Amino acid sequence: MNKLRIGLPMGSLQDATLTMMKKAGWNVSVERRSYFPKIDDAELNGVMIRAQEIPRYVNDGVLDAGLTGLDWITECRAQVVEVADLVYAKQGLNPVRLVLAVPNDSDIQSVQDLQGKRIATELVNVTNDFLARNGVTAQVEYSWGATEAKAPELVDAIVDLTETGSSLRANNLRVLEVILRSTTKLIANKESWKDDWKRRKLENMATLLTGALLAEEKVGLKMNVARGQLDAVLAQLPAMKNPTISGLADSEWVAVETIIDEKVVREIIPALREAGATGIIEYPLNKVIP
């Protein structure tokens, strides 16, 4: 049987990744202290490792594919195929930012002010490349964690990932510059990508994973509408495409079904009711395939 060896991220991305995979159709069971999850797909051989390491193992062909962040792909300087861009993170469906930050009361006001200064980060290569582009030479040291707490006592500045900015604010830091915006990527080894079976498997995974993410922000709506009020109801629906309209046993009524952004539901449902819709049902979605 053909097998695809895929790296799944441990740590901050783990829960979000396993939830997304479940919605996409794969049940992944991770036993305590085990690095080899059980996946209900005999064609997938999963390994749980840190997101930081996945690009290197995919680049070297130890893994056929993996889920990791653009930040770590860039840091490892991995030469891999980016199969899909999956915009999710630990706390939501937005890119994370890699930022240069300094204490609120620091005299440092620009990148150039970092000349000769000390910077702590987990992404040493990315930081050095950023400084080089700006003509700055500084001492960049690897941070083993708690990076936000190191300025100003141990270092002059930090380069760190932030999703909401709350940790930076809690540590009295301000963002000096955004170095890059990172999203989760489904990546593949270049040689594995040349294999027809592995490529098809990855393309199918990309379709389902992308569909699961699209569904995160959308819901389905069903309702009954008298034909005389159909135009007024349809005018309230910002559908992805034209809504589905089906006849009912009573020829004077139709059933309307559509998909909309979840964030607008609370405004749309009252408007639909006022326009004449009845029996309105909202339901969650697992996947939306464009």
Protein backbone atom coordinates (compact mmCIF):
# COMPACT_ATOMS: atom_id res chain seq x y z
CA MET A 1 0.00 0.00 0.00
CA ASN A 2 1.17 3.54 -0.78
CA LYS A 3 2.04 5.63 2.29
CA LEU A 4 2.48 9.35 2.85
CA ARG A 5 4.69 10.25 5.82
CA ILE A 6 3.48 13.55 7.24
CA GLY A 7 4.71 15.72 10.10
CA LEU A 8 2.05 17.22 12.39
CA PRO A 9 3.01 20.09 14.71
CA MET A 10 3.32 19.65 18.45
CA GLY A 11 3.01 22.62 20.78
CA SER A 12 1.00 25.75 20.09
CA LEU A 13 -0.42 24.60 16.74
CA GLN A 14 -1.29 21.07 17.84
CA ASP A 15 -4.87 21.50 19.06
CA ALA A 16 -5.88 23.77 16.19
CA THR A 17 -4.34 21.37 13.67
CA LEU A 18 -6.04 18.26 15.04
CA THR A 19 -9.39 20.07 15.19
CA MET A 20 -9.00 21.20 11.58
CA MET A 21 -8.04 17.70 10.44
CA LYS A 22 -11.10 16.24 12.14
CA LYS A 23 -13.36 18.69 10.32
CA ALA A 24 -11.59 17.83 7.08
CA GLY A 25 -12.33 14.14 7.65
CA TRP A 26 -9.37 12.65 9.55
CA ASN A 27 -9.58 11.50 13.14
CA VAL A 28 -6.12 11.82 14.71
CA SER A 29 -5.59 10.26 18.12
CA VAL A 30 -2.48 11.26 20.07
CA GLU A 31 -1.61 9.13 23.06
CA ARG A 32 0.29 10.67 25.96
CA ARG A 33 4.06 10.69 25.41
CA SER A 34 3.67 9.16 21.96
CA TYR A 35 5.04 10.86 18.87
CA PHE A 36 3.21 8.58 16.45
CA PRO A 37 -0.50 9.41 16.30
CA LYS A 38 -3.17 7.03 15.11
CA ILE A 39 -4.91 8.31 11.98
CA ASP A 40 -8.02 6.66 10.53
CA ASP A 41 -6.42 6.66 7.09
CA ALA A 42 -4.17 3.72 6.28
CA GLU A 43 -2.39 5.81 3.65
CA LEU A 44 -1.14 8.37 6.20
CA ASN A 45 1.80 7.75 8.50
CA GLY A 46 1.91 10.66 10.96
CA VAL A 47 4.71 11.92 13.21
CA MET A 48 4.21 14.56 15.92
CA ILE A 49 7.20 16.91 16.09
CA ARG A 50 7.83 20.59 16.74
CA ALA A 51 6.73 22.93 13.96
CA GLN A 52 10.26 24.37 14.01
CA GLU A 53 11.70 21.04 12.84
CA ILE A 54 9.15 20.04 10.21
CA PRO A 55 10.57 22.16 7.33
CA ARG A 56 14.01 20.63 7.77
CA TYR A 57 12.76 17.05 7.78
CA VAL A 58 10.55 17.71 4.75
CA ASN A 59 13.42 19.44 2.95
CA ASP A 60 15.69 16.45 3.62
CA GLY A 61 13.10 13.87 2.52
CA VAL A 62 12.73 12.27 5.96
CA LEU A 63 9.09 13.35 5.71
CA ASP A 64 7.04 13.56 2.52
CA ALA A 65 4.98 16.45 3.83
CA GLY A 66 4.13 18.49 6.89
CA LEU A 67 2.12 21.30 8.44
CA THR A 68 4.20 24.18 9.71
CA GLY A 69 4.46 27.96 9.63
CA LEU A 70 5.95 30.18 6.97
CA ASP A 71 8.16 31.63 9.71
CA TRP A 72 9.87 28.27 10.28
CA ILE A 73 10.11 27.49 6.58
CA THR A 74 11.93 30.79 6.18
CA GLU A 75 14.09 30.23 9.27
CA CYS A 76 15.19 26.78 8.07
CA ARG A 77 15.70 28.11 4.54
CA ALA A 78 13.88 24.98 3.43
CA GLN A 79 13.44 24.35 -0.28
CA VAL A 80 10.00 22.76 -0.28
CA VAL A 81 6.76 22.81 -2.27
CA GLU A 82 4.03 24.93 -0.68
CA VAL A 83 0.93 22.86 -1.40
CA ALA A 84 -1.62 25.00 0.44
CA ASP A 85 -1.83 28.18 2.49
CA LEU A 86 -3.93 27.45 5.58
CA VAL A 87 -4.70 30.59 7.50
CA TYR A 88 -5.09 29.43 11.08
CA ALA A 89 -3.12 29.79 14.28
CA LYS A 90 -3.35 28.87 17.96
CA GLN A 91 -6.18 31.26 18.79
CA GLY A 92 -7.92 32.04 15.54
CA LEU A 93 -8.07 32.24 11.78
CA ASN A 94 -5.60 35.05 11.21
CA PRO A 95 -1.92 35.19 10.28
CA VAL A 96 0.56 35.59 13.11
CA ARG A 97 3.10 38.41 12.99
CA LEU A 98 6.81 38.17 13.55
CA VAL A 99 7.64 41.52 15.13
CA LEU A 100 10.63 43.48 16.30
CA ALA A 101 9.73 44.88 19.72
CA VAL A 102 11.43 47.07 22.32
CA PRO A 103 10.48 48.25 25.82
CA ASN A 104 7.94 51.08 25.90
CA ASP A 105 10.45 53.46 27.47
CA SER A 106 13.36 52.51 25.19
CA ASP A 107 15.20 55.19 23.21
CA ILE A 108 15.20 52.86 20.20
CA GLN A 109 12.85 54.33 17.61
CA SER A 110 13.95 52.66 14.36
CA VAL A 111 15.72 49.57 13.07
CA GLN A 112 18.86 51.64 12.53
CA ASP A 113 18.98 52.37 16.28
CA LEU A 114 19.73 48.67 16.85
CA GLN A 115 23.28 49.02 15.53
CA GLY A 116 25.54 47.17 18.00
CA LYS A 117 22.61 46.21 20.24
CA ARG A 118 21.61 42.79 21.60
CA ILE A 119 18.47 41.03 20.29
CA ALA A 120 16.85 37.81 21.55
CA THR A 121 14.79 35.58 19.25
CA GLU A 122 14.01 32.01 18.29
CA LEU A 123 14.30 32.94 14.61
CA VAL A 124 17.96 33.87 14.33
CA ASN A 125 18.31 33.49 10.55
CA VAL A 126 15.18 35.51 9.79
CA THR A 127 16.32 38.25 12.18
CA ASN A 128 19.84 38.42 10.76
CA ASP A 129 18.48 38.58 7.22
CA PHE A 130 16.12 41.40 8.24
CA LEU A 131 18.95 43.37 9.83
CA ALA A 132 21.17 42.83 6.81
CA ARG A 133 18.48 44.22 4.52
CA ASN A 134 18.45 47.34 6.68
CA GLY A 135 22.24 47.66 6.86
CA VAL A 136 22.35 46.99 10.60
CA THR A 137 24.82 44.84 12.53
CA ALA A 138 23.65 43.61 15.93
CA GLN A 139 24.23 40.70 18.27
CA VAL A 140 21.39 38.23 17.68
CA GLU A 141 21.16 35.46 20.26
CA TYR A 142 18.95 32.39 20.33
CA SER A 143 16.18 32.52 22.92
CA TRP A 144 15.13 29.27 24.56
CA GLY A 145 11.79 30.72 25.65
CA ALA A 146 10.18 33.53 27.62
CA THR A 147 11.54 35.89 25.00
CA GLU A 148 9.20 38.76 25.95
CA ALA A 149 10.58 38.81 29.49
CA LYS A 150 14.19 39.39 28.43
CA ALA A 151 13.94 43.06 27.52
CA PRO A 152 15.25 45.35 28.89
CA GLU A 153 17.19 43.50 31.61
CA LEU A 154 19.00 41.02 29.34
CA VAL A 155 18.61 42.38 25.80
CA ASP A 156 17.77 45.64 24.06
CA ALA A 157 15.08 44.20 21.78
CA ILE A 158 13.31 41.00 20.86
CA VAL A 159 11.98 39.44 17.69
CA ASP A 160 9.01 37.23 18.45
CA LEU A 161 5.75 35.88 17.10
CA THR A 162 2.51 37.45 18.23
CA GLU A 163 -1.07 36.60 17.42
CA THR A 164 -3.00 39.16 19.48
CA GLY A 165 -0.24 41.34 20.95
CA SER A 166 -1.45 40.68 24.51
CA SER A 167 1.82 39.14 25.69
CA LEU A 168 3.79 42.07 24.34
CA ARG A 169 1.53 44.55 26.12
CA ALA A 170 1.73 42.55 29.34
CA ASN A 171 5.51 42.83 29.22
CA ASN A 172 5.49 46.57 28.42
CA LEU A 173 6.79 46.14 24.90
CA ARG A 174 5.90 48.08 21.76
CA VAL A 175 6.19 46.89 18.18
CA LEU A 176 8.89 48.66 16.22
CA GLU A 177 8.33 46.81 12.94
CA VAL A 178 6.56 43.77 11.50
CA ILE A 179 9.18 41.55 9.89
CA LEU A 180 6.78 39.07 8.29
CA ARG A 181 3.27 37.70 8.49
CA SER A 182 3.14 33.96 8.84
CA THR A 183 0.43 31.45 8.03
CA THR A 184 0.36 27.68 8.36
CA LYS A 185 1.47 25.86 5.22
CA LEU A 186 0.98 22.34 3.95
CA ILE A 187 4.40 21.65 2.46
CA ALA A 188 5.89 18.76 0.50
CA ASN A 189 9.32 17.41 -0.28
CA LYS A 190 10.25 18.20 -3.88
CA GLU A 191 10.95 14.56 -4.78
CA SER A 192 7.77 13.36 -3.09
CA TRP A 193 5.84 15.95 -5.10
CA LYS A 194 7.09 14.31 -8.29
CA ASP A 195 5.47 11.01 -7.27
CA ASP A 196 2.01 10.91 -8.91
CA TRP A 197 0.29 9.11 -6.04
CA LYS A 198 1.77 11.30 -3.31
CA ARG A 199 0.96 14.44 -5.26
CA ARG A 200 -2.68 13.41 -5.73
CA LYS A 201 -2.93 12.53 -2.05
CA LEU A 202 -1.55 15.92 -1.02
CA GLU A 203 -3.74 17.81 -3.47
CA ASN A 204 -6.81 16.01 -2.10
CA MET A 205 -5.71 16.79 1.46
CA ALA A 206 -5.24 20.45 0.52
CA THR A 207 -8.78 20.60 -0.89
CA LEU A 208 -10.33 19.13 2.24
CA LEU A 209 -8.22 21.14 4.70
CA THR A 210 -8.93 24.38 2.85
CA GLY A 211 -12.63 23.49 2.79
CA ALA A 212 -12.60 22.87 6.54
CA LEU A 213 -11.05 26.29 7.15
CA LEU A 214 -13.54 28.05 4.89
CA ALA A 215 -16.35 26.41 6.84
CA GLU A 216 -15.03 27.81 10.14
CA GLU A 217 -16.38 31.25 9.36
CA LYS A 218 -19.60 30.25 7.60
CA VAL A 219 -22.94 28.68 8.45
CA GLY A 220 -25.82 27.27 6.48
CA LEU A 221 -29.32 28.75 6.58
CA LYS A 222 -32.61 27.11 5.61
CA MET A 223 -36.01 28.76 5.61
CA ASN A 224 -39.48 28.64 4.10
CA VAL A 225 -40.77 31.59 2.09
CA ALA A 226 -44.06 32.41 0.43
CA ARG A 227 -43.50 32.99 -3.29
CA GLY A 228 -44.92 36.48 -3.01
CA GLN A 229 -42.24 37.43 -0.53
CA LEU A 230 -39.32 35.61 -2.19
CA ASP A 231 -37.74 38.68 -3.78
CA ALA A 232 -37.76 40.56 -0.48
CA VAL A 233 -36.10 37.63 1.31
CA LEU A 234 -33.47 37.08 -1.39
CA ALA A 235 -32.51 40.73 -1.19
CA GLN A 236 -31.30 40.10 2.38
CA LEU A 237 -28.97 37.21 1.48
CA PRO A 238 -25.29 37.87 0.65
CA ALA A 239 -24.89 34.34 -0.70
CA MET A 240 -21.64 32.79 -1.97
CA LYS A 241 -23.62 32.03 -5.13
CA ASN A 242 -27.32 32.12 -5.93
CA PRO A 243 -29.20 30.38 -3.09
CA THR A 244 -30.90 27.05 -3.68
CA ILE A 245 -34.67 27.37 -4.07
CA SER A 246 -36.85 24.25 -3.91
CA GLY A 247 -40.60 23.83 -4.28
CA LEU A 248 -42.69 22.62 -1.34
CA ALA A 249 -45.86 20.51 -1.25
CA ASP A 250 -47.77 23.76 -1.02
CA SER A 251 -47.08 25.35 -4.41
CA GLU A 252 -47.37 28.82 -2.90
CA TRP A 253 -44.28 28.24 -0.78
CA VAL A 254 -40.60 27.47 -1.45
CA ALA A 255 -37.61 26.36 0.64
CA VAL A 256 -34.51 28.56 0.44
CA GLU A 257 -31.03 27.34 1.42
CA THR A 258 -27.77 29.27 1.40
CA ILE A 259 -24.35 29.70 3.03
CA ILE A 260 -23.35 32.97 4.69
CA ASP A 261 -20.61 34.39 6.91
CA GLU A 262 -21.30 33.54 10.54
CA LYS A 263 -20.44 37.06 11.68
CA VAL A 264 -23.47 38.53 9.89
CA VAL A 265 -26.04 35.97 11.05
CA ARG A 266 -27.28 38.01 13.99
CA GLU A 267 -28.17 40.90 11.67
CA ILE A 268 -29.53 38.80 8.81
CA ILE A 269 -31.90 36.45 10.66
CA PRO A 270 -34.13 39.26 12.05
CA ALA A 271 -34.09 40.90 8.61
CA LEU A 272 -35.12 37.63 6.95
CA ARG A 273 -37.95 37.19 9.41
CA GLU A 274 -39.20 40.72 8.76
CA ALA A 275 -39.00 40.07 4.99
CA GLY A 276 -41.29 37.05 5.36
CA ALA A 277 -39.07 34.01 5.98
CA THR A 278 -40.36 31.39 8.43
CA GLY A 279 -38.95 28.20 9.94
CA ILE A 280 -35.42 29.61 9.79
CA ILE A 281 -32.75 27.02 10.66
CA GLU A 282 -29.07 27.79 11.15
CA TYR A 283 -26.63 24.86 11.01
CA PRO A 284 -22.83 24.46 11.24
CA LEU A 285 -20.65 23.33 8.35
CA ASN A 286 -17.70 20.96 8.26
CA LYS A 287 -16.35 21.85 4.84
CA VAL A 288 -17.01 24.39 2.11
CA ILE A 289 -15.41 23.41 -1.19
CA PRO A 290 -15.37 26.34 -3.67
